[in-house]
Amino acid sequence: MIEELEALLKTPATKLDFTNNQVDFMLKNIGNTNPYIRDNLVYTLFTTGFMNNTFTLVQQEHIIDYFFNNDLLLKDILAPQNDYVFTRSFSALLGGILLECDDDTNIFNDTQRKDLFKWSIQYLNLENDYRGFVPDKGWAHAIAHGSDFLGSSLSHTKFQLSNVNDLFITLQKVINRLETPFLDNEEARLASAFKLGVQAENISVEDFINGIQYVDKELWQQYDAAKLNTCYRLYAWIHILQHWLIFFANDTKIKTIIKQKLDYYYNKMGYIF
């Protein structure tokens, strides 16, 4: 089967033709701990297949049913660190691919779409495995992949959320679980997800600014220079603000509030005299 998938990688994207057995193998190996199988073969072929509409309708429905019926995103999510993080993390990436495809061709019904929107937030609410690169097993990168999934939700033309505050509560929870610094650019991926939401007008500028105020207050109130984990959390927040300063360089209202926050922290840390 590996050789068959390798042959598909060499096939022009528009001429891809998957067998049902190949699709089944890919689904069962979403979280394979072999990074070559998981990243180079399975994830790459799912992306290419959906972006070029080369799965048959039956195969597409089978992939969607498998995704929804096998609890891939939340598999063992409350347990101590284990290899199921690869299943969850790469299912989050697949969820993002499916949402992007749906945005173009409506592959979901309304219930499925709403479930995916909800799960993209729930996943980041619950994921507690913050490992980036795992020796011999490759990238877990759950927070980054979960952020990509959230970004696909927030940028979707049919995205709906009754309470935008839930997004910022989720962001605060992600940061608040840090016991060591982020190492692999997770802050940029988190910042990007929210930027996509504002860009798509699924998060209003007013709600975004209120969300910044909420997270900032929560993290600053708990900050204690004698407790390293609170330092790491505040530093992660500062990095997110720095990314937003770039992302929203042309939005005066957002840029002003972010710059105020950053200037305050730079003063506190002695960078501005």
C-alpha atoms as a PDB file:
ATOM      1  CA  MET A   1       0.000   0.000   0.000  1.00  0.00           C
ATOM      2  CA  ILE A   2       2.881   2.374   0.752  1.00  0.00           C
ATOM      3  CA  GLU A   3       4.166   1.961  -2.789  1.00  0.00           C
ATOM      4  CA  GLU A   4       0.675   2.651  -4.172  1.00  0.00           C
ATOM      5  CA  LEU A   5       0.436   5.895  -2.224  1.00  0.00           C
ATOM      6  CA  GLU A   6       3.941   6.892  -3.267  1.00  0.00           C
ATOM      7  CA  ALA A   7       2.864   6.391  -6.889  1.00  0.00           C
ATOM      8  CA  LEU A   8      -0.135   8.665  -6.265  1.00  0.00           C
ATOM      9  CA  LEU A   9       2.212  11.373  -4.989  1.00  0.00           C
ATOM     10  CA  LYS A  10       3.942  11.328  -8.362  1.00  0.00           C
ATOM     11  CA  THR A  11       0.647  11.545 -10.266  1.00  0.00           C
ATOM     12  CA  PRO A  12      -0.465  14.989 -11.516  1.00  0.00           C
ATOM     13  CA  ALA A  13      -3.032  16.328  -9.049  1.00  0.00           C
ATOM     14  CA  THR A  14      -5.814  16.589 -11.615  1.00  0.00           C
ATOM     15  CA  LYS A  15      -5.333  12.950 -12.643  1.00  0.00           C
ATOM     16  CA  LEU A  16      -5.455  11.402  -9.188  1.00  0.00           C
ATOM     17  CA  ASP A  17      -7.668   8.350  -8.894  1.00  0.00           C
ATOM     18  CA  PHE A  18      -7.997   6.738  -5.447  1.00  0.00           C
ATOM     19  CA  THR A  19      -9.160   3.190  -4.839  1.00  0.00           C
ATOM     20  CA  ASN A  20     -11.473   2.550  -1.892  1.00  0.00           C
ATOM     21  CA  ASN A  21      -8.744   0.480  -0.237  1.00  0.00           C
ATOM     22  CA  GLN A  22      -6.333   3.381  -0.505  1.00  0.00           C
ATOM     23  CA  VAL A  23      -8.857   5.735   1.067  1.00  0.00           C
ATOM     24  CA  ASP A  24      -9.467   3.262   3.913  1.00  0.00           C
ATOM     25  CA  PHE A  25      -5.734   2.942   4.531  1.00  0.00           C
ATOM     26  CA  MET A  26      -5.355   6.722   4.641  1.00  0.00           C
ATOM     27  CA  LEU A  27      -8.224   7.088   7.120  1.00  0.00           C
ATOM     28  CA  LYS A  28      -6.811   4.422   9.422  1.00  0.00           C
ATOM     29  CA  ASN A  29      -3.360   6.023   9.334  1.00  0.00           C
ATOM     30  CA  ILE A  30      -4.257   9.672   9.990  1.00  0.00           C
ATOM     31  CA  GLY A  31      -2.363   9.431  13.287  1.00  0.00           C
ATOM     32  CA  ASN A  32       0.331   6.935  12.325  1.00  0.00           C
ATOM     33  CA  THR A  33       3.422   7.536  14.452  1.00  0.00           C
ATOM     34  CA  ASN A  34       5.606   7.101  11.378  1.00  0.00           C
ATOM     35  CA  PRO A  35       5.986  10.693  10.151  1.00  0.00           C
ATOM     36  CA  TYR A  36       6.627   9.633   6.564  1.00  0.00           C
ATOM     37  CA  ILE A  37       3.322   7.757   6.354  1.00  0.00           C
ATOM     38  CA  ARG A  38       1.355  10.366   8.336  1.00  0.00           C
ATOM     39  CA  ASP A  39       2.776  13.604   6.870  1.00  0.00           C
ATOM     40  CA  ASN A  40       4.282  12.814   3.495  1.00  0.00           C
ATOM     41  CA  LEU A  41       1.695  10.322   2.313  1.00  0.00           C
ATOM     42  CA  VAL A  42      -1.634  10.469   4.159  1.00  0.00           C
ATOM     43  CA  TYR A  43      -1.934  14.182   4.942  1.00  0.00           C
ATOM     44  CA  THR A  44      -0.468  15.266   1.600  1.00  0.00           C
ATOM     45  CA  LEU A  45      -2.819  13.028  -0.382  1.00  0.00           C
ATOM     46  CA  PHE A  46      -5.900  14.085   1.601  1.00  0.00           C
ATOM     47  CA  THR A  47      -5.015  17.720   0.934  1.00  0.00           C
ATOM     48  CA  THR A  48      -4.325  17.174  -2.762  1.00  0.00           C
ATOM     49  CA  GLY A  49      -7.414  15.005  -3.196  1.00  0.00           C
ATOM     50  CA  PHE A  50      -9.827  17.480  -1.635  1.00  0.00           C
ATOM     51  CA  MET A  51      -8.281  20.610  -3.094  1.00  0.00           C
ATOM     52  CA  ASN A  52      -8.504  19.105  -6.590  1.00  0.00           C
ATOM     53  CA  ASN A  53     -11.856  17.341  -6.131  1.00  0.00           C
ATOM     54  CA  THR A  54     -10.451  13.945  -7.118  1.00  0.00           C
ATOM     55  CA  PHE A  55     -12.225  11.749  -4.556  1.00  0.00           C
ATOM     56  CA  THR A  56     -15.413  10.170  -5.870  1.00  0.00           C
ATOM     57  CA  LEU A  57     -18.650  11.273  -4.229  1.00  0.00           C
ATOM     58  CA  VAL A  58     -18.901   7.907  -2.451  1.00  0.00           C
ATOM     59  CA  GLN A  59     -15.316   8.211  -1.180  1.00  0.00           C
ATOM     60  CA  GLN A  60     -15.912  11.781  -0.052  1.00  0.00           C
ATOM     61  CA  GLU A  61     -19.001  10.737   1.904  1.00  0.00           C
ATOM     62  CA  HIS A  62     -17.067   7.816   3.405  1.00  0.00           C
ATOM     63  CA  ILE A  63     -14.264  10.135   4.578  1.00  0.00           C
ATOM     64  CA  ILE A  64     -16.792  12.536   6.112  1.00  0.00           C
ATOM     65  CA  ASP A  65     -18.698   9.710   7.836  1.00  0.00           C
ATOM     66  CA  TYR A  66     -15.455   8.270   9.208  1.00  0.00           C
ATOM     67  CA  PHE A  67     -14.386  11.679  10.499  1.00  0.00           C
ATOM     68  CA  PHE A  68     -17.691  12.272  12.269  1.00  0.00           C
ATOM     69  CA  ASN A  69     -18.264   8.770  13.616  1.00  0.00           C
ATOM     70  CA  ASN A  70     -14.856   7.895  15.069  1.00  0.00           C
ATOM     71  CA  ASP A  71     -14.276  10.723  17.563  1.00  0.00           C
ATOM     72  CA  LEU A  72     -10.892  11.430  15.979  1.00  0.00           C
ATOM     73  CA  LEU A  73     -10.519  14.962  17.294  1.00  0.00           C
ATOM     74  CA  LEU A  74     -11.082  14.087  20.928  1.00  0.00           C
ATOM     75  CA  LYS A  75      -9.479  10.626  21.052  1.00  0.00           C
ATOM     76  CA  ASP A  76      -7.982  10.206  24.548  1.00  0.00           C
ATOM     77  CA  ILE A  77      -7.715  13.986  24.830  1.00  0.00           C
ATOM     78  CA  LEU A  78      -7.993  14.126  28.648  1.00  0.00           C
ATOM     79  CA  ALA A  79      -5.406  11.381  29.221  1.00  0.00           C
ATOM     80  CA  PRO A  80      -1.712  12.008  29.952  1.00  0.00           C
ATOM     81  CA  GLN A  81       0.581  12.511  26.968  1.00  0.00           C
ATOM     82  CA  ASN A  82       0.367   9.635  24.510  1.00  0.00           C
ATOM     83  CA  ASP A  83       0.513   8.890  20.800  1.00  0.00           C
ATOM     84  CA  TYR A  84      -3.145   9.696  20.195  1.00  0.00           C
ATOM     85  CA  VAL A  85      -2.045  13.323  19.967  1.00  0.00           C
ATOM     86  CA  PHE A  86      -1.053  12.536  16.375  1.00  0.00           C
ATOM     87  CA  THR A  87      -4.566  11.280  15.603  1.00  0.00           C
ATOM     88  CA  ARG A  88      -6.125  14.384  17.146  1.00  0.00           C
ATOM     89  CA  SER A  89      -3.691  16.859  15.652  1.00  0.00           C
ATOM     90  CA  PHE A  90      -3.827  15.532  12.097  1.00  0.00           C
ATOM     91  CA  SER A  91      -7.581  15.119  12.333  1.00  0.00           C
ATOM     92  CA  ALA A  92      -7.681  18.824  13.152  1.00  0.00           C
ATOM     93  CA  LEU A  93      -5.748  19.469   9.936  1.00  0.00           C
ATOM     94  CA  LEU A  94      -8.164  17.247   8.019  1.00  0.00           C
ATOM     95  CA  GLY A  95     -11.069  19.133   9.583  1.00  0.00           C
ATOM     96  CA  GLY A  96      -9.596  22.353   8.233  1.00  0.00           C
ATOM     97  CA  ILE A  97      -9.235  20.846   4.754  1.00  0.00           C
ATOM     98  CA  LEU A  98     -12.847  19.671   4.829  1.00  0.00           C
ATOM     99  CA  LEU A  99     -14.111  23.097   5.892  1.00  0.00           C
ATOM    100  CA  GLU A 100     -12.156  24.837   3.141  1.00  0.00           C
ATOM    101  CA  CYS A 101     -13.566  22.386   0.616  1.00  0.00           C
ATOM    102  CA  ASP A 102     -17.062  22.946   2.010  1.00  0.00           C
ATOM    103  CA  ASP A 103     -16.640  26.696   1.659  1.00  0.00           C
ATOM    104  CA  ASP A 104     -16.239  26.133  -2.077  1.00  0.00           C
ATOM    105  CA  THR A 105     -18.569  23.204  -2.802  1.00  0.00           C
ATOM    106  CA  ASN A 106     -20.930  22.672   0.191  1.00  0.00           C
ATOM    107  CA  ILE A 107     -19.974  19.109   1.067  1.00  0.00           C
ATOM    108  CA  PHE A 108     -21.675  19.312   4.507  1.00  0.00           C
ATOM    109  CA  ASN A 109     -25.235  19.626   5.637  1.00  0.00           C
ATOM    110  CA  ASP A 110     -26.019  22.407   8.131  1.00  0.00           C
ATOM    111  CA  THR A 111     -25.747  20.129  11.172  1.00  0.00           C
ATOM    112  CA  GLN A 112     -22.351  18.748  10.155  1.00  0.00           C
ATOM    113  CA  ARG A 113     -21.021  22.215   9.439  1.00  0.00           C
ATOM    114  CA  LYS A 114     -22.173  23.568  12.810  1.00  0.00           C
ATOM    115  CA  ASP A 115     -20.616  20.561  14.540  1.00  0.00           C
ATOM    116  CA  LEU A 116     -17.275  21.251  12.897  1.00  0.00           C
ATOM    117  CA  PHE A 117     -17.403  24.907  13.891  1.00  0.00           C
ATOM    118  CA  LYS A 118     -18.139  23.838  17.468  1.00  0.00           C
ATOM    119  CA  TRP A 119     -15.427  21.166  17.477  1.00  0.00           C
ATOM    120  CA  SER A 120     -12.774  23.574  16.216  1.00  0.00           C
ATOM    121  CA  ILE A 121     -13.266  25.564  19.419  1.00  0.00           C
ATOM    122  CA  GLN A 122     -13.802  22.551  21.677  1.00  0.00           C
ATOM    123  CA  TYR A 123     -10.594  20.932  20.469  1.00  0.00           C
ATOM    124  CA  LEU A 124      -8.425  23.860  21.569  1.00  0.00           C
ATOM    125  CA  ASN A 125     -10.425  24.102  24.788  1.00  0.00           C
ATOM    126  CA  LEU A 126      -9.415  20.553  25.731  1.00  0.00           C
ATOM    127  CA  GLU A 127      -6.075  19.751  24.086  1.00  0.00           C
ATOM    128  CA  ASN A 128      -3.349  19.573  26.735  1.00  0.00           C
ATOM    129  CA  ASP A 129      -0.489  17.993  24.780  1.00  0.00           C
ATOM    130  CA  TYR A 130       1.700  20.936  23.818  1.00  0.00           C
ATOM    131  CA  ARG A 131       4.571  19.002  22.273  1.00  0.00           C
ATOM    132  CA  GLY A 132       5.861  20.325  18.958  1.00  0.00           C
ATOM    133  CA  PHE A 133       8.393  18.007  17.369  1.00  0.00           C
ATOM    134  CA  VAL A 134       8.566  14.536  18.923  1.00  0.00           C
ATOM    135  CA  PRO A 135      11.813  12.621  18.320  1.00  0.00           C
ATOM    136  CA  ASP A 136      11.370   9.634  15.950  1.00  0.00           C
ATOM    137  CA  LYS A 137       7.670  10.463  15.474  1.00  0.00           C
ATOM    138  CA  GLY A 138       7.756  13.906  13.899  1.00  0.00           C
ATOM    139  CA  TRP A 139       5.416  16.822  14.405  1.00  0.00           C
ATOM    140  CA  ALA A 140       2.567  16.540  16.882  1.00  0.00           C
ATOM    141  CA  HIS A 141       2.089  20.340  16.986  1.00  0.00           C
ATOM    142  CA  ALA A 142      -1.465  20.037  18.281  1.00  0.00           C
ATOM    143  CA  ILE A 143      -1.950  23.682  19.232  1.00  0.00           C
ATOM    144  CA  ALA A 144      -0.677  24.878  15.860  1.00  0.00           C
ATOM    145  CA  HIS A 145      -2.838  22.402  13.943  1.00  0.00           C
ATOM    146  CA  GLY A 146      -5.822  23.184  16.155  1.00  0.00           C
ATOM    147  CA  SER A 147      -5.272  26.862  15.393  1.00  0.00           C
ATOM    148  CA  ASP A 148      -5.299  26.113  11.673  1.00  0.00           C
ATOM    149  CA  PHE A 149      -8.582  24.232  12.132  1.00  0.00           C
ATOM    150  CA  LEU A 150     -10.034  27.174  14.061  1.00  0.00           C
ATOM    151  CA  GLY A 151      -8.872  29.540  11.329  1.00  0.00           C
ATOM    152  CA  SER A 152     -10.718  27.468   8.715  1.00  0.00           C
ATOM    153  CA  SER A 153     -13.857  27.805  10.845  1.00  0.00           C
ATOM    154  CA  LEU A 154     -13.509  31.512  11.521  1.00  0.00           C
ATOM    155  CA  SER A 155     -12.900  32.307   7.855  1.00  0.00           C
ATOM    156  CA  HIS A 156     -15.809  30.174   6.594  1.00  0.00           C
ATOM    157  CA  THR A 157     -18.569  32.112   4.840  1.00  0.00           C
ATOM    158  CA  LYS A 158     -21.232  30.289   6.879  1.00  0.00           C
ATOM    159  CA  PHE A 159     -19.511  30.472  10.251  1.00  0.00           C
ATOM    160  CA  GLN A 160     -21.871  31.217  13.127  1.00  0.00           C
ATOM    161  CA  LEU A 161     -21.203  31.633  16.828  1.00  0.00           C
ATOM    162  CA  SER A 162     -23.759  32.827  19.329  1.00  0.00           C
ATOM    163  CA  ASN A 163     -21.151  34.115  21.784  1.00  0.00           C
ATOM    164  CA  VAL A 164     -17.888  35.495  20.390  1.00  0.00           C
ATOM    165  CA  ASN A 165     -16.538  35.661  23.956  1.00  0.00           C
ATOM    166  CA  ASP A 166     -16.172  31.867  23.780  1.00  0.00           C
ATOM    167  CA  LEU A 167     -13.323  32.338  21.307  1.00  0.00           C
ATOM    168  CA  PHE A 168     -11.339  34.529  23.669  1.00  0.00           C
ATOM    169  CA  ILE A 169     -12.106  32.323  26.662  1.00  0.00           C
ATOM    170  CA  THR A 170     -10.636  29.482  24.593  1.00  0.00           C
ATOM    171  CA  LEU A 171      -7.550  31.530  23.741  1.00  0.00           C
ATOM    172  CA  GLN A 172      -7.075  32.383  27.389  1.00  0.00           C
ATOM    173  CA  LYS A 173      -7.390  28.690  28.332  1.00  0.00           C
ATOM    174  CA  VAL A 174      -4.800  27.672  25.743  1.00  0.00           C
ATOM    175  CA  ILE A 175      -2.323  30.192  27.125  1.00  0.00           C
ATOM    176  CA  ASN A 176      -3.207  29.423  30.740  1.00  0.00           C
ATOM    177  CA  ARG A 177      -2.205  25.766  30.391  1.00  0.00           C
ATOM    178  CA  LEU A 178       1.372  26.690  29.532  1.00  0.00           C
ATOM    179  CA  GLU A 179       3.948  25.411  31.989  1.00  0.00           C
ATOM    180  CA  THR A 180       6.886  25.961  29.608  1.00  0.00           C
ATOM    181  CA  PRO A 181       7.256  28.387  26.683  1.00  0.00           C
ATOM    182  CA  PHE A 182       5.855  27.664  23.258  1.00  0.00           C
ATOM    183  CA  LEU A 183       8.780  26.555  21.111  1.00  0.00           C
ATOM    184  CA  ASP A 184       7.471  26.118  17.579  1.00  0.00           C
ATOM    185  CA  ASN A 185       5.716  29.317  16.525  1.00  0.00           C
ATOM    186  CA  GLU A 186       2.355  28.339  17.986  1.00  0.00           C
ATOM    187  CA  GLU A 187       1.646  31.978  18.844  1.00  0.00           C
ATOM    188  CA  ALA A 188       1.693  32.951  15.160  1.00  0.00           C
ATOM    189  CA  ARG A 189      -0.785  30.199  14.287  1.00  0.00           C
ATOM    190  CA  LEU A 190      -3.140  31.242  17.099  1.00  0.00           C
ATOM    191  CA  ALA A 191      -2.896  34.877  16.075  1.00  0.00           C
ATOM    192  CA  SER A 192      -3.542  33.986  12.447  1.00  0.00           C
ATOM    193  CA  ALA A 193      -6.780  32.146  13.260  1.00  0.00           C
ATOM    194  CA  PHE A 194      -8.262  35.240  14.894  1.00  0.00           C
ATOM    195  CA  LYS A 195      -6.959  37.484  12.119  1.00  0.00           C
ATOM    196  CA  LEU A 196      -8.844  35.315   9.604  1.00  0.00           C
ATOM    197  CA  GLY A 197     -12.023  35.691  11.659  1.00  0.00           C
ATOM    198  CA  VAL A 198     -11.777  39.482  11.683  1.00  0.00           C
ATOM    199  CA  GLN A 199     -10.820  39.549   8.008  1.00  0.00           C
ATOM    200  CA  ALA A 200     -13.919  37.474   7.138  1.00  0.00           C
ATOM    201  CA  GLU A 201     -16.035  39.774   9.349  1.00  0.00           C
ATOM    202  CA  ASN A 202     -17.064  36.802  11.475  1.00  0.00           C
ATOM    203  CA  ILE A 203     -15.496  38.640  14.418  1.00  0.00           C
ATOM    204  CA  SER A 204     -16.351  42.323  14.557  1.00  0.00           C
ATOM    205  CA  VAL A 205     -13.627  44.854  15.313  1.00  0.00           C
ATOM    206  CA  GLU A 206     -15.459  45.787  18.513  1.00  0.00           C
ATOM    207  CA  ASP A 207     -15.674  42.165  19.674  1.00  0.00           C
ATOM    208  CA  PHE A 208     -12.025  41.628  18.802  1.00  0.00           C
ATOM    209  CA  ILE A 209     -10.918  44.624  20.855  1.00  0.00           C
ATOM    210  CA  ASN A 210     -13.121  43.531  23.774  1.00  0.00           C
ATOM    211  CA  GLY A 211     -11.577  40.067  23.515  1.00  0.00           C
ATOM    212  CA  ILE A 212      -8.081  41.530  23.657  1.00  0.00           C
ATOM    213  CA  GLN A 213      -9.035  43.463  26.787  1.00  0.00           C
ATOM    214  CA  TYR A 214     -10.446  40.315  28.409  1.00  0.00           C
ATOM    215  CA  VAL A 215      -7.439  38.072  27.768  1.00  0.00           C
ATOM    216  CA  ASP A 216      -4.999  40.825  28.670  1.00  0.00           C
ATOM    217  CA  LYS A 217      -6.692  41.460  32.011  1.00  0.00           C
ATOM    218  CA  GLU A 218      -6.827  37.755  32.888  1.00  0.00           C
ATOM    219  CA  LEU A 219      -3.170  37.123  32.132  1.00  0.00           C
ATOM    220  CA  TRP A 220      -1.857  40.316  33.728  1.00  0.00           C
ATOM    221  CA  GLN A 221      -3.817  39.738  36.949  1.00  0.00           C
ATOM    222  CA  GLN A 222      -2.247  36.322  37.462  1.00  0.00           C
ATOM    223  CA  TYR A 223       1.280  37.373  36.475  1.00  0.00           C
ATOM    224  CA  ASP A 224       3.871  36.820  39.210  1.00  0.00           C
ATOM    225  CA  ALA A 225       7.526  37.276  38.301  1.00  0.00           C
ATOM    226  CA  ALA A 226       8.415  34.642  40.903  1.00  0.00           C
ATOM    227  CA  LYS A 227       6.296  31.999  39.133  1.00  0.00           C
ATOM    228  CA  LEU A 228       7.823  30.962  35.840  1.00  0.00           C
ATOM    229  CA  ASN A 229       4.646  29.517  34.357  1.00  0.00           C
ATOM    230  CA  THR A 230       2.873  32.884  34.665  1.00  0.00           C
ATOM    231  CA  CYS A 231       5.859  34.517  32.967  1.00  0.00           C
ATOM    232  CA  TYR A 232       5.706  32.054  30.083  1.00  0.00           C
ATOM    233  CA  ARG A 233       1.981  32.733  29.709  1.00  0.00           C
ATOM    234  CA  LEU A 234       2.440  36.479  29.605  1.00  0.00           C
ATOM    235  CA  TYR A 235       5.308  36.175  27.127  1.00  0.00           C
ATOM    236  CA  ALA A 236       3.128  34.012  24.866  1.00  0.00           C
ATOM    237  CA  TRP A 237       0.420  36.668  25.008  1.00  0.00           C
ATOM    238  CA  ILE A 238       2.934  39.394  24.140  1.00  0.00           C
ATOM    239  CA  HIS A 239       4.075  37.355  21.134  1.00  0.00           C
ATOM    240  CA  ILE A 240       0.460  37.018  19.963  1.00  0.00           C
ATOM    241  CA  LEU A 241       0.002  40.773  20.314  1.00  0.00           C
ATOM    242  CA  GLN A 242       3.176  41.342  18.303  1.00  0.00           C
ATOM    243  CA  HIS A 243       1.839  39.173  15.482  1.00  0.00           C
ATOM    244  CA  TRP A 244      -1.475  41.015  15.525  1.00  0.00           C
ATOM    245  CA  LEU A 245       0.361  44.327  15.334  1.00  0.00           C
ATOM    246  CA  ILE A 246       1.740  43.164  11.973  1.00  0.00           C
ATOM    247  CA  PHE A 247      -1.442  41.432  10.786  1.00  0.00           C
ATOM    248  CA  PHE A 248      -3.574  44.516  11.496  1.00  0.00           C
ATOM    249  CA  ALA A 249      -1.048  47.135  10.408  1.00  0.00           C
ATOM    250  CA  ASN A 250      -3.687  48.800   8.224  1.00  0.00           C
ATOM    251  CA  ASP A 251      -6.465  48.817  10.809  1.00  0.00           C
ATOM    252  CA  THR A 252      -5.951  51.922  12.916  1.00  0.00           C
ATOM    253  CA  LYS A 253      -8.483  51.024  15.596  1.00  0.00           C
ATOM    254  CA  ILE A 254      -7.081  47.569  16.297  1.00  0.00           C
ATOM    255  CA  LYS A 255      -3.481  48.646  15.861  1.00  0.00           C
ATOM    256  CA  THR A 256      -3.909  51.441  18.417  1.00  0.00           C
ATOM    257  CA  ILE A 257      -5.150  49.170  21.214  1.00  0.00           C
ATOM    258  CA  ILE A 258      -2.491  46.545  20.526  1.00  0.00           C
ATOM    259  CA  LYS A 259       0.270  49.125  20.536  1.00  0.00           C
ATOM    260  CA  GLN A 260      -1.005  50.471  23.848  1.00  0.00           C
ATOM    261  CA  LYS A 261      -0.783  46.990  25.351  1.00  0.00           C
ATOM    262  CA  LEU A 262       2.690  46.349  23.990  1.00  0.00           C
ATOM    263  CA  ASP A 263       4.006  49.758  25.064  1.00  0.00           C
ATOM    264  CA  TYR A 264       2.725  49.066  28.573  1.00  0.00           C
ATOM    265  CA  TYR A 265       4.573  45.732  28.755  1.00  0.00           C
ATOM    266  CA  TYR A 266       7.737  47.138  27.194  1.00  0.00           C
ATOM    267  CA  ASN A 267       7.722  49.853  29.843  1.00  0.00           C
ATOM    268  CA  LYS A 268       7.152  47.327  32.624  1.00  0.00           C
ATOM    269  CA  MET A 269      10.053  45.234  31.378  1.00  0.00           C
ATOM    270  CA  GLY A 270      12.382  48.209  31.081  1.00  0.00           C
ATOM    271  CA  TYR A 271      12.681  48.274  27.288  1.00  0.00           C
ATOM    272  CA  ILE A 272      11.356  51.838  27.043  1.00  0.00           C
ATOM    273  CA  PHE A 273      12.787  54.589  29.251  1.00  0.00           C
END
